[in-house]
Amino acid sequence: MNRVAIVTGAGSGIGRAVALALLGEGFAVVLAGRRSEALAGTVALALPAAPVLAVPTDVSDEASVAALFRQTVEKFGRLDLLFNNAGIAAPPAPLEALTLEQWNAVISVHVTGAFLCAGRRCAS
C-alpha cells in the first residue's frame, strides 16, 4: 500500500518538485494549490498511472482545507505526510508602500494556511 502525502503549493516550484519526487518514491500524492491549471501541469508531469489527486485549495480558507483533507481520505484512506509549502509574495515594494490588505494576504497563506493544514493533519 502506498504512503499518502499532501503537498500544498504543488502547482509550481518547490511544491511541484517535491510532489514529483514523492511520486517517484512510491507515495500517492494529493496536489493542493490555488491554480487549477498549474496543478494540471504537475499532474501532466507525473507518470500516467501515478496515484495522484489534484485538489484546488485555498489554504487560507478553513472550509477549503477541510475539503482537501476530506477528499484525501476519501480517495486514499489516510494521510501519512503533509508538506506544508503554499506561499505567495507581496508586490516588490518598500515595506511602507505595502497596504494592510497585501500584508494580510501574505500572512493568511504563510501563517494561517500552515496553521490550518497542520491542525487538520493532527486532527485526522
PDB file of N, CA and C in Angstrom:
ATOM      1  N   MET A   1       0.849  -1.187   0.000  1.00  0.00           N
ATOM      2  CA  MET A   1       0.000   0.000   0.000  1.00  0.00           C
ATOM      3  C   MET A   1       0.890   1.245   0.000  1.00  0.00           C
ATOM      4  N   ASN A   2       0.549   2.200  -0.840  1.00  0.00           N
ATOM      5  CA  ASN A   2       1.317   3.440  -0.930  1.00  0.00           C
ATOM      6  C   ASN A   2       1.150   4.289   0.319  1.00  0.00           C
ATOM      7  N   ARG A   3       2.237   4.948   0.694  1.00  0.00           N
ATOM      8  CA  ARG A   3       2.109   6.003   1.689  1.00  0.00           C
ATOM      9  C   ARG A   3       1.446   7.176   0.983  1.00  0.00           C
ATOM     10  N   VAL A   4       0.760   8.034   1.744  1.00  0.00           N
ATOM     11  CA  VAL A   4      -0.035   9.114   1.159  1.00  0.00           C
ATOM     12  C   VAL A   4       0.486  10.455   1.670  1.00  0.00           C
ATOM     13  N   ALA A   5       0.699  11.380   0.742  1.00  0.00           N
ATOM     14  CA  ALA A   5       1.188  12.715   1.085  1.00  0.00           C
ATOM     15  C   ALA A   5       0.286  13.781   0.485  1.00  0.00           C
ATOM     16  N   ILE A   6       0.148  14.884   1.200  1.00  0.00           N
ATOM     17  CA  ILE A   6      -0.422  16.113   0.657  1.00  0.00           C
ATOM     18  C   ILE A   6       0.734  17.090   0.496  1.00  0.00           C
ATOM     19  N   VAL A   7       0.789  17.727  -0.676  1.00  0.00           N
ATOM     20  CA  VAL A   7       1.767  18.781  -0.921  1.00  0.00           C
ATOM     21  C   VAL A   7       0.996  20.042  -1.258  1.00  0.00           C
ATOM     22  N   THR A   8       1.097  21.070  -0.407  1.00  0.00           N
ATOM     23  CA  THR A   8       0.466  22.347  -0.729  1.00  0.00           C
ATOM     24  C   THR A   8       1.437  23.162  -1.579  1.00  0.00           C
ATOM     25  N   GLY A   9       0.881  24.008  -2.420  1.00  0.00           N
ATOM     26  CA  GLY A   9       1.720  24.767  -3.344  1.00  0.00           C
ATOM     27  C   GLY A   9       2.324  23.860  -4.408  1.00  0.00           C
ATOM     28  N   ALA A  10       1.603  22.812  -4.790  1.00  0.00           N
ATOM     29  CA  ALA A  10       2.133  21.779  -5.683  1.00  0.00           C
ATOM     30  C   ALA A  10       2.077  22.150  -7.157  1.00  0.00           C
ATOM     31  N   GLY A  11       1.573  23.316  -7.484  1.00  0.00           N
ATOM     32  CA  GLY A  11       1.447  23.699  -8.880  1.00  0.00           C
ATOM     33  C   GLY A  11       2.720  24.179  -9.531  1.00  0.00           C
ATOM     34  N   SER A  12       3.735  24.517  -8.727  1.00  0.00           N
ATOM     35  CA  SER A  12       4.972  25.033  -9.301  1.00  0.00           C
ATOM     36  C   SER A  12       6.094  24.972  -8.272  1.00  0.00           C
ATOM     37  N   GLY A  13       7.282  25.289  -8.730  1.00  0.00           N
ATOM     38  CA  GLY A  13       8.432  25.457  -7.850  1.00  0.00           C
ATOM     39  C   GLY A  13       8.745  24.269  -6.965  1.00  0.00           C
ATOM     40  N   ILE A  14       9.062  24.572  -5.712  1.00  0.00           N
ATOM     41  CA  ILE A  14       9.441  23.544  -4.748  1.00  0.00           C
ATOM     42  C   ILE A  14       8.311  22.548  -4.544  1.00  0.00           C
ATOM     43  N   GLY A  15       7.083  23.013  -4.452  1.00  0.00           N
ATOM     44  CA  GLY A  15       5.959  22.111  -4.258  1.00  0.00           C
ATOM     45  C   GLY A  15       5.838  21.105  -5.380  1.00  0.00           C
ATOM     46  N   ARG A  16       5.969  21.566  -6.615  1.00  0.00           N
ATOM     47  CA  ARG A  16       5.915  20.650  -7.762  1.00  0.00           C
ATOM     48  C   ARG A  16       7.057  19.640  -7.692  1.00  0.00           C
ATOM     49  N   ALA A  17       8.269  20.120  -7.429  1.00  0.00           N
ATOM     50  CA  ALA A  17       9.430  19.231  -7.374  1.00  0.00           C
ATOM     51  C   ALA A  17       9.275  18.186  -6.271  1.00  0.00           C
ATOM     52  N   VAL A  18       8.795  18.583  -5.117  1.00  0.00           N
ATOM     53  CA  VAL A  18       8.607  17.641  -4.011  1.00  0.00           C
ATOM     54  C   VAL A  18       7.513  16.632  -4.353  1.00  0.00           C
ATOM     55  N   ALA A  19       6.418  17.100  -4.928  1.00  0.00           N
ATOM     56  CA  ALA A  19       5.335  16.186  -5.300  1.00  0.00           C
ATOM     57  C   ALA A  19       5.835  15.117  -6.274  1.00  0.00           C
ATOM     58  N   LEU A  20       6.576  15.522  -7.277  1.00  0.00           N
ATOM     59  CA  LEU A  20       7.091  14.559  -8.254  1.00  0.00           C
ATOM     60  C   LEU A  20       8.107  13.618  -7.617  1.00  0.00           C
ATOM     61  N   ALA A  21       8.931  14.134  -6.710  1.00  0.00           N
ATOM     62  CA  ALA A  21       9.898  13.277  -6.014  1.00  0.00           C
ATOM     63  C   ALA A  21       9.182  12.253  -5.137  1.00  0.00           C
ATOM     64  N   LEU A  22       8.130  12.678  -4.447  1.00  0.00           N
ATOM     65  CA  LEU A  22       7.368  11.746  -3.613  1.00  0.00           C
ATOM     66  C   LEU A  22       6.701  10.669  -4.462  1.00  0.00           C
ATOM     67  N   LEU A  23       6.171  11.054  -5.602  1.00  0.00           N
ATOM     68  CA  LEU A  23       5.595  10.066  -6.523  1.00  0.00           C
ATOM     69  C   LEU A  23       6.665   9.061  -6.942  1.00  0.00           C
ATOM     70  N   GLY A  24       7.868   9.566  -7.211  1.00  0.00           N
ATOM     71  CA  GLY A  24       8.976   8.697  -7.592  1.00  0.00           C
ATOM     72  C   GLY A  24       9.402   7.746  -6.493  1.00  0.00           C
ATOM     73  N   GLU A  25       9.105   8.113  -5.256  1.00  0.00           N
ATOM     74  CA  GLU A  25       9.431   7.261  -4.101  1.00  0.00           C
ATOM     75  C   GLU A  25       8.277   6.344  -3.719  1.00  0.00           C
ATOM     76  N   GLY A  26       7.226   6.326  -4.527  1.00  0.00           N
ATOM     77  CA  GLY A  26       6.130   5.404  -4.292  1.00  0.00           C
ATOM     78  C   GLY A  26       4.967   5.944  -3.480  1.00  0.00           C
ATOM     79  N   PHE A  27       4.964   7.223  -3.190  1.00  0.00           N
ATOM     80  CA  PHE A  27       3.838   7.829  -2.473  1.00  0.00           C
ATOM     81  C   PHE A  27       2.660   8.042  -3.419  1.00  0.00           C
ATOM     82  N   ALA A  28       1.466   7.971  -2.883  1.00  0.00           N
ATOM     83  CA  ALA A  28       0.290   8.553  -3.521  1.00  0.00           C
ATOM     84  C   ALA A  28       0.318  10.015  -3.091  1.00  0.00           C
ATOM     85  N   VAL A  29       0.095  10.938  -4.014  1.00  0.00           N
ATOM     86  CA  VAL A  29       0.261  12.356  -3.692  1.00  0.00           C
ATOM     87  C   VAL A  29      -0.992  13.145  -4.042  1.00  0.00           C
ATOM     88  N   VAL A  30      -1.427  13.943  -3.085  1.00  0.00           N
ATOM     89  CA  VAL A  30      -2.521  14.876  -3.290  1.00  0.00           C
ATOM     90  C   VAL A  30      -1.891  16.245  -3.504  1.00  0.00           C
ATOM     91  N   LEU A  31      -2.155  16.809  -4.665  1.00  0.00           N
ATOM     92  CA  LEU A  31      -1.612  18.114  -5.048  1.00  0.00           C
ATOM     93  C   LEU A  31      -2.612  19.188  -4.671  1.00  0.00           C
ATOM     94  N   ALA A  32      -2.187  20.131  -3.852  1.00  0.00           N
ATOM     95  CA  ALA A  32      -3.061  21.226  -3.439  1.00  0.00           C
ATOM     96  C   ALA A  32      -2.459  22.546  -3.900  1.00  0.00           C
ATOM     97  N   GLY A  33      -3.317  23.431  -4.366  1.00  0.00           N
ATOM     98  CA  GLY A  33      -2.876  24.751  -4.796  1.00  0.00           C
ATOM     99  C   GLY A  33      -4.063  25.556  -5.283  1.00  0.00           C
ATOM    100  N   ARG A  34      -3.877  26.856  -5.385  1.00  0.00           N
ATOM    101  CA  ARG A  34      -4.963  27.744  -5.792  1.00  0.00           C
ATOM    102  C   ARG A  34      -5.252  27.685  -7.286  1.00  0.00           C
ATOM    103  N   ARG A  35      -4.248  27.379  -8.098  1.00  0.00           N
ATOM    104  CA  ARG A  35      -4.379  27.476  -9.551  1.00  0.00           C
ATOM    105  C   ARG A  35      -4.575  26.094 -10.180  1.00  0.00           C
ATOM    106  N   SER A  36      -5.790  25.829 -10.627  1.00  0.00           N
ATOM    107  CA  SER A  36      -6.117  24.527 -11.229  1.00  0.00           C
ATOM    108  C   SER A  36      -5.224  24.198 -12.410  1.00  0.00           C
ATOM    109  N   GLU A  37      -4.947  25.189 -13.252  1.00  0.00           N
ATOM    110  CA  GLU A  37      -4.127  24.935 -14.434  1.00  0.00           C
ATOM    111  C   GLU A  37      -2.695  24.565 -14.047  1.00  0.00           C
ATOM    112  N   ALA A  38      -2.170  25.152 -12.993  1.00  0.00           N
ATOM    113  CA  ALA A  38      -0.824  24.792 -12.532  1.00  0.00           C
ATOM    114  C   ALA A  38      -0.814  23.378 -11.959  1.00  0.00           C
ATOM    115  N   LEU A  39      -1.862  23.015 -11.221  1.00  0.00           N
ATOM    116  CA  LEU A  39      -1.962  21.649 -10.703  1.00  0.00           C
ATOM    117  C   LEU A  39      -2.035  20.646 -11.851  1.00  0.00           C
ATOM    118  N   ALA A  40      -2.786  20.988 -12.892  1.00  0.00           N
ATOM    119  CA  ALA A  40      -2.884  20.120 -14.069  1.00  0.00           C
ATOM    120  C   ALA A  40      -1.514  19.940 -14.717  1.00  0.00           C
ATOM    121  N   GLY A  41      -0.704  20.972 -14.699  1.00  0.00           N
ATOM    122  CA  GLY A  41       0.656  20.866 -15.230  1.00  0.00           C
ATOM    123  C   GLY A  41       1.501  19.891 -14.436  1.00  0.00           C
ATOM    124  N   THR A  42       1.330  19.883 -13.124  1.00  0.00           N
ATOM    125  CA  THR A  42       2.059  18.927 -12.292  1.00  0.00           C
ATOM    126  C   THR A  42       1.562  17.512 -12.560  1.00  0.00           C
ATOM    127  N   VAL A  43       0.254  17.347 -12.673  1.00  0.00           N
ATOM    128  CA  VAL A  43      -0.311  16.032 -12.988  1.00  0.00           C
ATOM    129  C   VAL A  43       0.260  15.526 -14.313  1.00  0.00           C
ATOM    130  N   ALA A  44       0.383  16.410 -15.292  1.00  0.00           N
ATOM    131  CA  ALA A  44       0.887  16.019 -16.616  1.00  0.00           C
ATOM    132  C   ALA A  44       2.335  15.532 -16.557  1.00  0.00           C
ATOM    133  N   LEU A  45       3.091  15.994 -15.578  1.00  0.00           N
ATOM    134  CA  LEU A  45       4.485  15.577 -15.438  1.00  0.00           C
ATOM    135  C   LEU A  45       4.627  14.238 -14.713  1.00  0.00           C
ATOM    136  N   ALA A  46       3.562  13.790 -14.075  1.00  0.00           N
ATOM    137  CA  ALA A  46       3.591  12.508 -13.359  1.00  0.00           C
ATOM    138  C   ALA A  46       3.432  11.367 -14.359  1.00  0.00           C
ATOM    139  N   LEU A  47       3.872  10.185 -13.951  1.00  0.00           N
ATOM    140  CA  LEU A  47       3.672   9.005 -14.797  1.00  0.00           C
ATOM    141  C   LEU A  47       2.181   8.792 -15.013  1.00  0.00           C
ATOM    142  N   PRO A  48       1.775   8.262 -16.164  1.00  0.00           N
ATOM    143  CA  PRO A  48       0.351   8.130 -16.480  1.00  0.00           C
ATOM    144  C   PRO A  48      -0.491   7.421 -15.426  1.00  0.00           C
ATOM    145  N   ALA A  49       0.023   6.389 -14.791  1.00  0.00           N
ATOM    146  CA  ALA A  49      -0.768   5.645 -13.807  1.00  0.00           C
ATOM    147  C   ALA A  49      -0.440   6.055 -12.374  1.00  0.00           C
ATOM    148  N   ALA A  50       0.216   7.185 -12.207  1.00  0.00           N
ATOM    149  CA  ALA A  50       0.626   7.610 -10.866  1.00  0.00           C
ATOM    150  C   ALA A  50      -0.587   7.836  -9.968  1.00  0.00           C
ATOM    151  N   PRO A  51      -0.485   7.427  -8.702  1.00  0.00           N
ATOM    152  CA  PRO A  51      -1.577   7.655  -7.756  1.00  0.00           C
ATOM    153  C   PRO A  51      -1.572   9.114  -7.297  1.00  0.00           C
ATOM    154  N   VAL A  52      -2.228   9.964  -8.074  1.00  0.00           N
ATOM    155  CA  VAL A  52      -2.197  11.400  -7.812  1.00  0.00           C
ATOM    156  C   VAL A  52      -3.614  11.956  -7.882  1.00  0.00           C
ATOM    157  N   LEU A  53      -3.869  12.934  -7.037  1.00  0.00           N
ATOM    158  CA  LEU A  53      -5.153  13.626  -6.996  1.00  0.00           C
ATOM    159  C   LEU A  53      -4.870  15.118  -6.883  1.00  0.00           C
ATOM    160  N   ALA A  54      -5.433  15.906  -7.767  1.00  0.00           N
ATOM    161  CA  ALA A  54      -5.286  17.366  -7.711  1.00  0.00           C
ATOM    162  C   ALA A  54      -6.539  17.953  -7.073  1.00  0.00           C
ATOM    163  N   VAL A  55      -6.336  18.765  -6.040  1.00  0.00           N
ATOM    164  CA  VAL A  55      -7.459  19.391  -5.334  1.00  0.00           C
ATOM    165  C   VAL A  55      -7.201  20.897  -5.251  1.00  0.00           C
ATOM    166  N   PRO A  56      -7.892  21.699  -6.065  1.00  0.00           N
ATOM    167  CA  PRO A  56      -7.739  23.142  -5.933  1.00  0.00           C
ATOM    168  C   PRO A  56      -8.091  23.557  -4.500  1.00  0.00           C
ATOM    169  N   THR A  57      -7.166  24.268  -3.867  1.00  0.00           N
ATOM    170  CA  THR A  57      -7.300  24.577  -2.445  1.00  0.00           C
ATOM    171  C   THR A  57      -6.758  25.963  -2.142  1.00  0.00           C
ATOM    172  N   ASP A  58      -7.500  26.711  -1.350  1.00  0.00           N
ATOM    173  CA  ASP A  58      -7.015  27.968  -0.777  1.00  0.00           C
ATOM    174  C   ASP A  58      -6.693  27.664   0.678  1.00  0.00           C
ATOM    175  N   VAL A  59      -5.402  27.534   1.008  1.00  0.00           N
ATOM    176  CA  VAL A  59      -5.034  27.132   2.366  1.00  0.00           C
ATOM    177  C   VAL A  59      -5.393  28.165   3.423  1.00  0.00           C
ATOM    178  N   SER A  60      -5.717  29.371   3.013  1.00  0.00           N
ATOM    179  CA  SER A  60      -6.115  30.391   3.985  1.00  0.00           C
ATOM    180  C   SER A  60      -7.597  30.296   4.353  1.00  0.00           C
ATOM    181  N   ASP A  61      -8.314  29.377   3.697  1.00  0.00           N
ATOM    182  CA  ASP A  61      -9.745  29.207   3.915  1.00  0.00           C
ATOM    183  C   ASP A  61     -10.008  27.870   4.611  1.00  0.00           C
ATOM    184  N   GLU A  62     -10.568  27.918   5.808  1.00  0.00           N
ATOM    185  CA  GLU A  62     -10.764  26.716   6.618  1.00  0.00           C
ATOM    186  C   GLU A  62     -11.611  25.663   5.910  1.00  0.00           C
ATOM    187  N   ALA A  63     -12.678  26.074   5.247  1.00  0.00           N
ATOM    188  CA  ALA A  63     -13.542  25.118   4.545  1.00  0.00           C
ATOM    189  C   ALA A  63     -12.796  24.457   3.389  1.00  0.00           C
ATOM    190  N   SER A  64     -11.968  25.207   2.701  1.00  0.00           N
ATOM    191  CA  SER A  64     -11.189  24.666   1.592  1.00  0.00           C
ATOM    192  C   SER A  64     -10.182  23.629   2.096  1.00  0.00           C
ATOM    193  N   VAL A  65      -9.546  23.912   3.219  1.00  0.00           N
ATOM    194  CA  VAL A  65      -8.592  22.966   3.819  1.00  0.00           C
ATOM    195  C   VAL A  65      -9.328  21.706   4.280  1.00  0.00           C
ATOM    196  N   ALA A  66     -10.477  21.884   4.896  1.00  0.00           N
ATOM    197  CA  ALA A  66     -11.266  20.721   5.336  1.00  0.00           C
ATOM    198  C   ALA A  66     -11.629  19.847   4.137  1.00  0.00           C
ATOM    199  N   ALA A  67     -12.009  20.457   3.024  1.00  0.00           N
ATOM    200  CA  ALA A  67     -12.351  19.708   1.816  1.00  0.00           C
ATOM    201  C   ALA A  67     -11.129  18.960   1.275  1.00  0.00           C
ATOM    202  N   LEU A  68      -9.972  19.583   1.327  1.00  0.00           N
ATOM    203  CA  LEU A  68      -8.732  18.933   0.883  1.00  0.00           C
ATOM    204  C   LEU A  68      -8.477  17.650   1.669  1.00  0.00           C
ATOM    205  N   PHE A  69      -8.566  17.731   2.978  1.00  0.00           N
ATOM    206  CA  PHE A  69      -8.294  16.563   3.809  1.00  0.00           C
ATOM    207  C   PHE A  69      -9.399  15.507   3.670  1.00  0.00           C
ATOM    208  N   ARG A  70     -10.627  15.945   3.523  1.00  0.00           N
ATOM    209  CA  ARG A  70     -11.732  15.008   3.325  1.00  0.00           C
ATOM    210  C   ARG A  70     -11.542  14.232   2.018  1.00  0.00           C
ATOM    211  N   GLN A  71     -11.218  14.944   0.939  1.00  0.00           N
ATOM    212  CA  GLN A  71     -11.020  14.285  -0.356  1.00  0.00           C
ATOM    213  C   GLN A  71      -9.815  13.342  -0.330  1.00  0.00           C
ATOM    214  N   THR A  72      -8.789  13.712   0.417  1.00  0.00           N
ATOM    215  CA  THR A  72      -7.609  12.850   0.555  1.00  0.00           C
ATOM    216  C   THR A  72      -7.986  11.518   1.188  1.00  0.00           C
ATOM    217  N   VAL A  73      -8.716  11.580   2.289  1.00  0.00           N
ATOM    218  CA  VAL A  73      -9.108  10.359   2.997  1.00  0.00           C
ATOM    219  C   VAL A  73     -10.114   9.558   2.166  1.00  0.00           C
ATOM    220  N   GLU A  74     -11.026  10.249   1.475  1.00  0.00           N
ATOM    221  CA  GLU A  74     -11.986   9.535   0.621  1.00  0.00           C
ATOM    222  C   GLU A  74     -11.277   8.768  -0.494  1.00  0.00           C
ATOM    223  N   LYS A  75     -10.254   9.368  -1.092  1.00  0.00           N
ATOM    224  CA  LYS A  75      -9.556   8.752  -2.232  1.00  0.00           C
ATOM    225  C   LYS A  75      -8.543   7.693  -1.792  1.00  0.00           C
ATOM    226  N   PHE A  76      -7.758   8.004  -0.745  1.00  0.00           N
ATOM    227  CA  PHE A  76      -6.636   7.138  -0.386  1.00  0.00           C
ATOM    228  C   PHE A  76      -6.756   6.477   0.987  1.00  0.00           C
ATOM    229  N   GLY A  77      -7.753   6.855   1.777  1.00  0.00           N
ATOM    230  CA  GLY A  77      -7.996   6.183   3.047  1.00  0.00           C
ATOM    231  C   GLY A  77      -7.228   6.697   4.244  1.00  0.00           C
ATOM    232  N   ARG A  78      -6.222   7.496   4.018  1.00  0.00           N
ATOM    233  CA  ARG A  78      -5.424   8.007   5.132  1.00  0.00           C
ATOM    234  C   ARG A  78      -4.470   9.081   4.638  1.00  0.00           C
ATOM    235  N   LEU A  79      -3.678   9.619   5.576  1.00  0.00           N
ATOM    236  CA  LEU A  79      -2.630  10.585   5.258  1.00  0.00           C
ATOM    237  C   LEU A  79      -1.418  10.270   6.114  1.00  0.00           C
ATOM    238  N   ASP A  80      -0.247  10.208   5.477  1.00  0.00           N
ATOM    239  CA  ASP A  80       0.985   9.902   6.196  1.00  0.00           C
ATOM    240  C   ASP A  80       1.927  11.095   6.294  1.00  0.00           C
ATOM    241  N   LEU A  81       1.858  12.022   5.343  1.00  0.00           N
ATOM    242  CA  LEU A  81       2.816  13.116   5.301  1.00  0.00           C
ATOM    243  C   LEU A  81       2.155  14.386   4.768  1.00  0.00           C
ATOM    244  N   LEU A  82       2.433  15.495   5.418  1.00  0.00           N
ATOM    245  CA  LEU A  82       1.993  16.811   4.934  1.00  0.00           C
ATOM    246  C   LEU A  82       3.221  17.637   4.634  1.00  0.00           C
ATOM    247  N   PHE A  83       3.358  18.081   3.388  1.00  0.00           N
ATOM    248  CA  PHE A  83       4.420  19.018   3.021  1.00  0.00           C
ATOM    249  C   PHE A  83       3.750  20.375   2.867  1.00  0.00           C
ATOM    250  N   ASN A  84       3.830  21.177   3.916  1.00  0.00           N
ATOM    251  CA  ASN A  84       3.134  22.449   4.050  1.00  0.00           C
ATOM    252  C   ASN A  84       3.966  23.525   3.358  1.00  0.00           C
ATOM    253  N   ASN A  85       3.737  23.759   2.082  1.00  0.00           N
ATOM    254  CA  ASN A  85       4.625  24.550   1.250  1.00  0.00           C
ATOM    255  C   ASN A  85       3.980  25.777   0.605  1.00  0.00           C
ATOM    256  N   ALA A  86       2.669  25.911   0.654  1.00  0.00           N
ATOM    257  CA  ALA A  86       1.995  27.002  -0.063  1.00  0.00           C
ATOM    258  C   ALA A  86       2.536  28.360   0.378  1.00  0.00           C
ATOM    259  N   GLY A  87       2.653  29.246  -0.584  1.00  0.00           N
ATOM    260  CA  GLY A  87       3.119  30.594  -0.272  1.00  0.00           C
ATOM    261  C   GLY A  87       2.805  31.555  -1.403  1.00  0.00           C
ATOM    262  N   ILE A  88       2.732  32.806  -1.051  1.00  0.00           N
ATOM    263  CA  ILE A  88       2.566  33.878  -2.036  1.00  0.00           C
ATOM    264  C   ILE A  88       3.534  34.989  -1.679  1.00  0.00           C
ATOM    265  N   ALA A  89       3.744  35.883  -2.594  1.00  0.00           N
ATOM    266  CA  ALA A  89       4.646  37.013  -2.358  1.00  0.00           C
ATOM    267  C   ALA A  89       3.866  38.315  -2.403  1.00  0.00           C
ATOM    268  N   ALA A  90       4.288  39.233  -1.582  1.00  0.00           N
ATOM    269  CA  ALA A  90       3.755  40.600  -1.665  1.00  0.00           C
ATOM    270  C   ALA A  90       4.394  41.266  -2.881  1.00  0.00           C
ATOM    271  N   PRO A  91       3.766  42.291  -3.398  1.00  0.00           N
ATOM    272  CA  PRO A  91       4.396  43.010  -4.511  1.00  0.00           C
ATOM    273  C   PRO A  91       5.760  43.549  -4.080  1.00  0.00           C
ATOM    274  N   PRO A  92       6.723  43.566  -4.990  1.00  0.00           N
ATOM    275  CA  PRO A  92       8.042  44.095  -4.627  1.00  0.00           C
ATOM    276  C   PRO A  92       7.941  45.602  -4.386  1.00  0.00           C
ATOM    277  N   ALA A  93       8.017  45.971  -3.127  1.00  0.00           N
ATOM    278  CA  ALA A  93       7.878  47.382  -2.749  1.00  0.00           C
ATOM    279  C   ALA A  93       8.476  47.566  -1.363  1.00  0.00           C
ATOM    280  N   PRO A  94       8.870  48.775  -1.039  1.00  0.00           N
ATOM    281  CA  PRO A  94       9.313  49.028   0.330  1.00  0.00           C
ATOM    282  C   PRO A  94       8.170  48.726   1.308  1.00  0.00           C
ATOM    283  N   LEU A  95       8.516  48.324   2.502  1.00  0.00           N
ATOM    284  CA  LEU A  95       7.512  47.948   3.491  1.00  0.00           C
ATOM    285  C   LEU A  95       6.456  49.030   3.670  1.00  0.00           C
ATOM    286  N   GLU A  96       6.869  50.266   3.718  1.00  0.00           N
ATOM    287  CA  GLU A  96       5.900  51.346   3.944  1.00  0.00           C
ATOM    288  C   GLU A  96       4.935  51.542   2.773  1.00  0.00           C
ATOM    289  N   ALA A  97       5.255  50.947   1.625  1.00  0.00           N
ATOM    290  CA  ALA A  97       4.369  51.061   0.465  1.00  0.00           C
ATOM    291  C   ALA A  97       3.343  49.928   0.397  1.00  0.00           C
ATOM    292  N   LEU A  98       3.544  48.862   1.192  1.00  0.00           N
ATOM    293  CA  LEU A  98       2.588  47.764   1.190  1.00  0.00           C
ATOM    294  C   LEU A  98       1.315  48.174   1.908  1.00  0.00           C
ATOM    295  N   THR A  99       0.209  47.747   1.363  1.00  0.00           N
ATOM    296  CA  THR A  99      -1.062  48.009   2.035  1.00  0.00           C
ATOM    297  C   THR A  99      -1.299  46.919   3.084  1.00  0.00           C
ATOM    298  N   LEU A 100      -2.164  47.204   4.014  1.00  0.00           N
ATOM    299  CA  LEU A 100      -2.519  46.204   5.011  1.00  0.00           C
ATOM    300  C   LEU A 100      -3.165  45.001   4.335  1.00  0.00           C
ATOM    301  N   GLU A 101      -3.952  45.222   3.304  1.00  0.00           N
ATOM    302  CA  GLU A 101      -4.575  44.124   2.567  1.00  0.00           C
ATOM    303  C   GLU A 101      -3.522  43.203   1.950  1.00  0.00           C
ATOM    304  N   GLN A 102      -2.474  43.768   1.344  1.00  0.00           N
ATOM    305  CA  GLN A 102      -1.407  42.968   0.762  1.00  0.00           C
ATOM    306  C   GLN A 102      -0.668  42.180   1.851  1.00  0.00           C
ATOM    307  N   TRP A 103      -0.382  42.825   2.955  1.00  0.00           N
ATOM    308  CA  TRP A 103       0.285  42.170   4.086  1.00  0.00           C
ATOM    309  C   TRP A 103      -0.564  41.019   4.615  1.00  0.00           C
ATOM    310  N   ASN A 104      -1.845  41.276   4.821  1.00  0.00           N
ATOM    311  CA  ASN A 104      -2.739  40.238   5.351  1.00  0.00           C
ATOM    312  C   ASN A 104      -2.867  39.052   4.408  1.00  0.00           C
ATOM    313  N   ALA A 105      -2.819  39.289   3.109  1.00  0.00           N
ATOM    314  CA  ALA A 105      -2.898  38.183   2.148  1.00  0.00           C
ATOM    315  C   ALA A 105      -1.697  37.253   2.310  1.00  0.00           C
ATOM    316  N   VAL A 106      -0.517  37.808   2.473  1.00  0.00           N
ATOM    317  CA  VAL A 106       0.693  37.004   2.661  1.00  0.00           C
ATOM    318  C   VAL A 106       0.615  36.233   3.982  1.00  0.00           C
ATOM    319  N   ILE A 107       0.262  36.916   5.046  1.00  0.00           N
ATOM    320  CA  ILE A 107       0.160  36.271   6.366  1.00  0.00           C
ATOM    321  C   ILE A 107      -0.906  35.180   6.345  1.00  0.00           C
ATOM    322  N   SER A 108      -1.991  35.432   5.652  1.00  0.00           N
ATOM    323  CA  SER A 108      -3.086  34.472   5.595  1.00  0.00           C
ATOM    324  C   SER A 108      -2.644  33.145   4.976  1.00  0.00           C
ATOM    325  N   VAL A 109      -1.838  33.200   3.929  1.00  0.00           N
ATOM    326  CA  VAL A 109      -1.368  31.975   3.292  1.00  0.00           C
ATOM    327  C   VAL A 109      -0.213  31.359   4.083  1.00  0.00           C
ATOM    328  N   HIS A 110       0.799  32.159   4.400  1.00  0.00           N
ATOM    329  CA  HIS A 110       2.008  31.623   5.036  1.00  0.00           C
ATOM    330  C   HIS A 110       1.781  31.147   6.463  1.00  0.00           C
ATOM    331  N   VAL A 111       1.046  31.890   7.237  1.00  0.00           N
ATOM    332  CA  VAL A 111       0.887  31.565   8.656  1.00  0.00           C
ATOM    333  C   VAL A 111      -0.439  30.850   8.914  1.00  0.00           C
ATOM    334  N   THR A 112      -1.533  31.494   8.550  1.00  0.00           N
ATOM    335  CA  THR A 112      -2.838  30.877   8.795  1.00  0.00           C
ATOM    336  C   THR A 112      -2.974  29.575   8.004  1.00  0.00           C
ATOM    337  N   GLY A 113      -2.532  29.572   6.756  1.00  0.00           N
ATOM    338  CA  GLY A 113      -2.615  28.363   5.940  1.00  0.00           C
ATOM    339  C   GLY A 113      -1.823  27.209   6.541  1.00  0.00           C
ATOM    340  N   ALA A 114      -0.613  27.492   6.988  1.00  0.00           N
ATOM    341  CA  ALA A 114       0.194  26.445   7.628  1.00  0.00           C
ATOM    342  C   ALA A 114      -0.488  25.950   8.898  1.00  0.00           C
ATOM    343  N   PHE A 115      -1.049  26.869   9.663  1.00  0.00           N
ATOM    344  CA  PHE A 115      -1.767  26.505  10.890  1.00  0.00           C
ATOM    345  C   PHE A 115      -2.969  25.617  10.583  1.00  0.00           C
ATOM    346  N   LEU A 116      -3.781  26.022   9.608  1.00  0.00           N
ATOM    347  CA  LEU A 116      -4.980  25.246   9.276  1.00  0.00           C
ATOM    348  C   LEU A 116      -4.627  23.845   8.787  1.00  0.00           C
ATOM    349  N   CYS A 117      -3.615  23.737   7.942  1.00  0.00           N
ATOM    350  CA  CYS A 117      -3.228  22.415   7.426  1.00  0.00           C
ATOM    351  C   CYS A 117      -2.606  21.554   8.513  1.00  0.00           C
ATOM    352  N   ALA A 118      -1.707  22.108   9.292  1.00  0.00           N
ATOM    353  CA  ALA A 118      -1.073  21.321  10.357  1.00  0.00           C
ATOM    354  C   ALA A 118      -2.094  20.925  11.414  1.00  0.00           C
ATOM    355  N   GLY A 119      -2.992  21.813  11.746  1.00  0.00           N
ATOM    356  CA  GLY A 119      -4.023  21.499  12.729  1.00  0.00           C
ATOM    357  C   GLY A 119      -4.981  20.439  12.231  1.00  0.00           C
ATOM    358  N   ARG A 120      -5.314  20.491  10.958  1.00  0.00           N
ATOM    359  CA  ARG A 120      -6.194  19.494  10.348  1.00  0.00           C
ATOM    360  C   ARG A 120      -5.470  18.164  10.319  1.00  0.00           C
ATOM    361  N   ARG A 121      -4.202  18.195   9.984  1.00  0.00           N
ATOM    362  CA  ARG A 121      -3.400  16.965   9.909  1.00  0.00           C
ATOM    363  C   ARG A 121      -3.371  16.274  11.265  1.00  0.00           C
ATOM    364  N   CYS A 122      -3.155  17.030  12.322  1.00  0.00           N
ATOM    365  CA  CYS A 122      -3.080  16.450  13.656  1.00  0.00           C
ATOM    366  C   CYS A 122      -4.432  15.877  14.073  1.00  0.00           C
ATOM    367  N   ALA A 123      -5.510  16.446  13.551  1.00  0.00           N
ATOM    368  CA  ALA A 123      -6.850  16.006  13.931  1.00  0.00           C
ATOM    369  C   ALA A 123      -7.323  14.801  13.128  1.00  0.00           C
ATOM    370  N   SER A 124      -6.651  14.500  12.012  1.00  0.00           N
ATOM    371  CA  SER A 124      -7.140  13.409  11.158  1.00  0.00           C
ATOM    372  C   SER A 124      -6.521  12.085  11.528  1.00  0.00           C
TER     373      SER A 124
END
